[in-house]
């Protein structure tokens, strides 16, 4: 089933709950667009997390769940996902996030170990929960920082604040 990973871990490393006045359909469409854009950007680690590595850049690779696999979120997969959201919103959307880290200048970039995260977005009327599970890697970006980063990106996609933090655990 598109959007749902059957083997998502029961014990998340971090959970955050947000209130929202935006419909689940609009949030899911915005989330899809945001993650697609992030797949094509190179960011400084400082934009995502408290830097543990100086002069570090970050590249995201997001994939959407489909049964027991994840499909890389490219333009074709985005279109398929938006079409599915248009028919019916998802109660849950699961994503794999590979965060690649590089140290140094563009000409002499040195790859560092990657982080592998699973993110679960649960949608309910006026509420969204984000669960993050850290699969493996050095955790240069913590689960809390990843949630805050994605929530900020979602908020920046709307004219008014879309997500208001209720609880972080």
C-alpha atoms as a PDB file:
ATOM      1  CA  UNK A   1       0.000   0.000   0.000  1.00  0.00           C
ATOM      2  CA  UNK A   2       1.426   3.357  -1.045  1.00  0.00           C
ATOM      3  CA  UNK A   3       2.460   5.558   1.889  1.00  0.00           C
ATOM      4  CA  UNK A   4       2.530   2.805   4.498  1.00  0.00           C
ATOM      5  CA  UNK A   5       5.566   0.803   5.632  1.00  0.00           C
ATOM      6  CA  UNK A   6       4.372  -2.425   7.232  1.00  0.00           C
ATOM      7  CA  UNK A   7       7.566  -2.860   9.294  1.00  0.00           C
ATOM      8  CA  UNK A   8       7.795   0.622  10.818  1.00  0.00           C
ATOM      9  CA  UNK A   9       9.434   0.187  14.257  1.00  0.00           C
ATOM     10  CA  UNK A  10       7.105   0.318  17.252  1.00  0.00           C
ATOM     11  CA  UNK A  11       9.577   2.266  19.403  1.00  0.00           C
ATOM     12  CA  UNK A  12      10.317   5.669  17.893  1.00  0.00           C
ATOM     13  CA  UNK A  13      13.338   7.680  19.003  1.00  0.00           C
ATOM     14  CA  UNK A  14      11.256  10.838  19.057  1.00  0.00           C
ATOM     15  CA  UNK A  15       7.595  11.773  18.732  1.00  0.00           C
ATOM     16  CA  UNK A  16       6.091  15.222  18.268  1.00  0.00           C
ATOM     17  CA  UNK A  17       2.440  16.198  18.160  1.00  0.00           C
ATOM     18  CA  UNK A  18       1.194  19.304  16.365  1.00  0.00           C
ATOM     19  CA  UNK A  19      -2.164  21.017  16.145  1.00  0.00           C
ATOM     20  CA  UNK A  20      -3.158  22.296  12.735  1.00  0.00           C
ATOM     21  CA  UNK A  21      -5.999  24.117  11.043  1.00  0.00           C
ATOM     22  CA  UNK A  22      -4.857  22.941   7.577  1.00  0.00           C
ATOM     23  CA  UNK A  23      -6.642  19.987   5.994  1.00  0.00           C
ATOM     24  CA  UNK A  24      -4.806  16.668   5.812  1.00  0.00           C
ATOM     25  CA  UNK A  25      -5.029  16.781   2.017  1.00  0.00           C
ATOM     26  CA  UNK A  26      -3.268  20.162   1.822  1.00  0.00           C
ATOM     27  CA  UNK A  27      -0.665  19.095   4.398  1.00  0.00           C
ATOM     28  CA  UNK A  28       0.072  15.870   2.522  1.00  0.00           C
ATOM     29  CA  UNK A  29       0.410  17.667  -0.801  1.00  0.00           C
ATOM     30  CA  UNK A  30       2.711  20.284   0.772  1.00  0.00           C
ATOM     31  CA  UNK A  31       4.785  17.597   2.502  1.00  0.00           C
ATOM     32  CA  UNK A  32       5.226  15.737  -0.796  1.00  0.00           C
ATOM     33  CA  UNK A  33       6.390  18.902  -2.578  1.00  0.00           C
ATOM     34  CA  UNK A  34       8.725  19.888   0.276  1.00  0.00           C
ATOM     35  CA  UNK A  35      10.449  16.497   0.423  1.00  0.00           C
ATOM     36  CA  UNK A  36      10.847  16.459  -3.362  1.00  0.00           C
ATOM     37  CA  UNK A  37      12.514  19.885  -3.221  1.00  0.00           C
ATOM     38  CA  UNK A  38      14.786  18.764  -0.372  1.00  0.00           C
ATOM     39  CA  UNK A  39      15.899  15.818  -2.526  1.00  0.00           C
ATOM     40  CA  UNK A  40      17.462  18.301  -4.953  1.00  0.00           C
ATOM     41  CA  UNK A  41      19.128  20.691  -2.492  1.00  0.00           C
ATOM     42  CA  UNK A  42      22.486  20.832  -0.771  1.00  0.00           C
ATOM     43  CA  UNK A  43      22.305  22.491   2.639  1.00  0.00           C
ATOM     44  CA  UNK A  44      24.739  23.421   5.368  1.00  0.00           C
ATOM     45  CA  UNK A  45      24.509  21.254   8.467  1.00  0.00           C
ATOM     46  CA  UNK A  46      23.851  24.434  10.489  1.00  0.00           C
ATOM     47  CA  UNK A  47      20.525  24.816   8.655  1.00  0.00           C
ATOM     48  CA  UNK A  48      19.318  21.505  10.049  1.00  0.00           C
ATOM     49  CA  UNK A  49      21.142  20.782  13.283  1.00  0.00           C
ATOM     50  CA  UNK A  50      23.670  22.007  15.782  1.00  0.00           C
ATOM     51  CA  UNK A  51      26.826  21.365  13.800  1.00  0.00           C
ATOM     52  CA  UNK A  52      28.960  18.581  15.193  1.00  0.00           C
ATOM     53  CA  UNK A  53      31.191  18.668  12.115  1.00  0.00           C
ATOM     54  CA  UNK A  54      32.688  21.947  10.849  1.00  0.00           C
ATOM     55  CA  UNK A  55      32.193  22.930   7.182  1.00  0.00           C
ATOM     56  CA  UNK A  56      29.700  20.138   6.637  1.00  0.00           C
ATOM     57  CA  UNK A  57      27.096  20.006   3.883  1.00  0.00           C
ATOM     58  CA  UNK A  58      24.001  17.844   3.835  1.00  0.00           C
ATOM     59  CA  UNK A  59      22.106  16.105   1.031  1.00  0.00           C
ATOM     60  CA  UNK A  60      18.731  14.466   1.685  1.00  0.00           C
ATOM     61  CA  UNK A  61      17.300  11.436  -0.076  1.00  0.00           C
ATOM     62  CA  UNK A  62      13.637  10.875   0.791  1.00  0.00           C
ATOM     63  CA  UNK A  63      11.633   7.877  -0.273  1.00  0.00           C
ATOM     64  CA  UNK A  64       7.929   7.130   0.184  1.00  0.00           C
ATOM     65  CA  UNK A  65       6.884   3.774   1.586  1.00  0.00           C
ATOM     66  CA  UNK A  66       5.072   1.190  -0.444  1.00  0.00           C
ATOM     67  CA  UNK A  67       4.424  -2.037   1.454  1.00  0.00           C
ATOM     68  CA  UNK A  68       7.886  -3.299   2.488  1.00  0.00           C
ATOM     69  CA  UNK A  69       9.921  -0.978   0.255  1.00  0.00           C
ATOM     70  CA  UNK A  70      10.626   2.707  -0.210  1.00  0.00           C
ATOM     71  CA  UNK A  71      10.478   4.448  -3.588  1.00  0.00           C
ATOM     72  CA  UNK A  72      12.822   7.383  -4.140  1.00  0.00           C
ATOM     73  CA  UNK A  73      10.752  10.560  -4.273  1.00  0.00           C
ATOM     74  CA  UNK A  74      11.411  11.935  -7.755  1.00  0.00           C
ATOM     75  CA  UNK A  75       9.076  13.868 -10.093  1.00  0.00           C
ATOM     76  CA  UNK A  76       7.365  10.709 -11.342  1.00  0.00           C
ATOM     77  CA  UNK A  77       6.802   9.341  -7.832  1.00  0.00           C
ATOM     78  CA  UNK A  78       5.583  12.781  -6.694  1.00  0.00           C
ATOM     79  CA  UNK A  79       2.955  12.804  -9.462  1.00  0.00           C
ATOM     80  CA  UNK A  80       1.798   9.314  -8.487  1.00  0.00           C
ATOM     81  CA  UNK A  81       1.613  10.298  -4.820  1.00  0.00           C
ATOM     82  CA  UNK A  82      -0.264  13.573  -5.491  1.00  0.00           C
ATOM     83  CA  UNK A  83      -2.755  11.692  -7.671  1.00  0.00           C
ATOM     84  CA  UNK A  84      -3.367   9.196  -4.847  1.00  0.00           C
ATOM     85  CA  UNK A  85      -3.772  12.023  -2.293  1.00  0.00           C
ATOM     86  CA  UNK A  86      -6.253  13.679  -4.655  1.00  0.00           C
ATOM     87  CA  UNK A  87      -8.426  10.558  -4.547  1.00  0.00           C
ATOM     88  CA  UNK A  88      -8.140   9.935  -0.810  1.00  0.00           C
ATOM     89  CA  UNK A  89      -5.944  11.295   1.949  1.00  0.00           C
ATOM     90  CA  UNK A  90      -3.649   8.910   3.779  1.00  0.00           C
ATOM     91  CA  UNK A  91      -4.127   8.293   7.504  1.00  0.00           C
ATOM     92  CA  UNK A  92      -0.377   7.596   7.672  1.00  0.00           C
ATOM     93  CA  UNK A  93       2.551   8.532   5.430  1.00  0.00           C
ATOM     94  CA  UNK A  94       5.894   6.788   6.002  1.00  0.00           C
ATOM     95  CA  UNK A  95       9.171   7.985   4.545  1.00  0.00           C
ATOM     96  CA  UNK A  96      12.773   6.854   4.568  1.00  0.00           C
ATOM     97  CA  UNK A  97      15.296   9.646   4.872  1.00  0.00           C
ATOM     98  CA  UNK A  98      18.942   9.116   4.078  1.00  0.00           C
ATOM     99  CA  UNK A  99      20.984  12.115   5.158  1.00  0.00           C
ATOM    100  CA  UNK A 100      24.350  12.237   3.420  1.00  0.00           C
ATOM    101  CA  UNK A 101      27.079  14.367   5.000  1.00  0.00           C
ATOM    102  CA  UNK A 102      30.134  15.850   3.307  1.00  0.00           C
ATOM    103  CA  UNK A 103      33.007  17.766   4.863  1.00  0.00           C
ATOM    104  CA  UNK A 104      35.078  20.336   3.011  1.00  0.00           C
ATOM    105  CA  UNK A 105      34.756  22.574  -0.002  1.00  0.00           C
ATOM    106  CA  UNK A 106      32.975  21.598  -3.220  1.00  0.00           C
ATOM    107  CA  UNK A 107      36.177  20.577  -5.029  1.00  0.00           C
ATOM    108  CA  UNK A 108      37.482  18.488  -2.122  1.00  0.00           C
ATOM    109  CA  UNK A 109      34.346  17.084  -0.499  1.00  0.00           C
ATOM    110  CA  UNK A 110      34.934  14.123   1.768  1.00  0.00           C
ATOM    111  CA  UNK A 111      31.905  11.895   2.336  1.00  0.00           C
ATOM    112  CA  UNK A 112      31.111  11.036   5.945  1.00  0.00           C
ATOM    113  CA  UNK A 113      28.899   8.245   7.255  1.00  0.00           C
ATOM    114  CA  UNK A 114      25.217   8.695   6.430  1.00  0.00           C
ATOM    115  CA  UNK A 115      22.206   8.739   8.763  1.00  0.00           C
ATOM    116  CA  UNK A 116      19.194   6.575   7.999  1.00  0.00           C
ATOM    117  CA  UNK A 117      15.871   7.668   9.476  1.00  0.00           C
ATOM    118  CA  UNK A 118      12.292   6.482   9.130  1.00  0.00           C
ATOM    119  CA  UNK A 119       9.590   9.110   9.536  1.00  0.00           C
ATOM    120  CA  UNK A 120       5.917   8.403  10.133  1.00  0.00           C
ATOM    121  CA  UNK A 121       3.363  11.183   9.716  1.00  0.00           C
ATOM    122  CA  UNK A 122      -0.031  10.353  11.241  1.00  0.00           C
ATOM    123  CA  UNK A 123      -2.905  12.617  10.213  1.00  0.00           C
ATOM    124  CA  UNK A 124      -6.050  13.237  12.198  1.00  0.00           C
ATOM    125  CA  UNK A 125      -8.527  16.101  12.163  1.00  0.00           C
ATOM    126  CA  UNK A 126      -6.659  19.183  13.443  1.00  0.00           C
ATOM    127  CA  UNK A 127      -3.704  17.044  14.581  1.00  0.00           C
ATOM    128  CA  UNK A 128      -0.552  15.582  13.084  1.00  0.00           C
ATOM    129  CA  UNK A 129       1.977  13.357  14.797  1.00  0.00           C
ATOM    130  CA  UNK A 130       5.527  12.851  13.559  1.00  0.00           C
ATOM    131  CA  UNK A 131       7.458   9.784  14.712  1.00  0.00           C
ATOM    132  CA  UNK A 132      11.140   9.391  13.923  1.00  0.00           C
ATOM    133  CA  UNK A 133      13.188   6.239  14.159  1.00  0.00           C
ATOM    134  CA  UNK A 134      16.975   6.417  13.695  1.00  0.00           C
ATOM    135  CA  UNK A 135      17.978   3.246  11.844  1.00  0.00           C
ATOM    136  CA  UNK A 136      21.761   3.762  11.774  1.00  0.00           C
ATOM    137  CA  UNK A 137      24.502   6.321  11.319  1.00  0.00           C
ATOM    138  CA  UNK A 138      26.431   8.914  13.349  1.00  0.00           C
ATOM    139  CA  UNK A 139      23.334  11.023  14.159  1.00  0.00           C
ATOM    140  CA  UNK A 140      24.855  14.359  13.137  1.00  0.00           C
ATOM    141  CA  UNK A 141      21.219  15.510  12.998  1.00  0.00           C
ATOM    142  CA  UNK A 142      19.173  14.290  15.955  1.00  0.00           C
ATOM    143  CA  UNK A 143      15.592  13.035  15.629  1.00  0.00           C
ATOM    144  CA  UNK A 144      14.386  16.194  17.415  1.00  0.00           C
ATOM    145  CA  UNK A 145      16.268  18.414  14.980  1.00  0.00           C
ATOM    146  CA  UNK A 146      14.928  16.488  11.997  1.00  0.00           C
ATOM    147  CA  UNK A 147      11.332  16.898  13.231  1.00  0.00           C
ATOM    148  CA  UNK A 148      11.856  20.617  13.871  1.00  0.00           C
ATOM    149  CA  UNK A 149      13.447  21.071  10.430  1.00  0.00           C
ATOM    150  CA  UNK A 150      10.604  19.333   8.580  1.00  0.00           C
ATOM    151  CA  UNK A 151       7.958  21.161  10.641  1.00  0.00           C
ATOM    152  CA  UNK A 152       9.628  24.507   9.831  1.00  0.00           C
ATOM    153  CA  UNK A 153       9.638  23.617   6.131  1.00  0.00           C
ATOM    154  CA  UNK A 154       5.926  22.757   6.287  1.00  0.00           C
ATOM    155  CA  UNK A 155       5.174  26.019   8.115  1.00  0.00           C
ATOM    156  CA  UNK A 156       7.088  28.028   5.511  1.00  0.00           C
ATOM    157  CA  UNK A 157       4.890  26.540   2.765  1.00  0.00           C
ATOM    158  CA  UNK A 158       1.790  28.267   4.157  1.00  0.00           C
ATOM    159  CA  UNK A 159       0.903  31.917   4.778  1.00  0.00           C
ATOM    160  CA  UNK A 160       0.042  31.241   8.406  1.00  0.00           C
ATOM    161  CA  UNK A 161       1.702  28.803  10.762  1.00  0.00           C
ATOM    162  CA  UNK A 162       0.366  25.381   9.736  1.00  0.00           C
ATOM    163  CA  UNK A 163       1.808  23.318  12.587  1.00  0.00           C
ATOM    164  CA  UNK A 164       1.806  24.364  16.246  1.00  0.00           C
ATOM    165  CA  UNK A 165       3.850  22.163  18.538  1.00  0.00           C
ATOM    166  CA  UNK A 166       1.800  20.575  21.317  1.00  0.00           C
ATOM    167  CA  UNK A 167       4.250  18.040  22.714  1.00  0.00           C
ATOM    168  CA  UNK A 168       7.725  16.657  22.110  1.00  0.00           C
ATOM    169  CA  UNK A 169       8.778  13.353  23.641  1.00  0.00           C
END
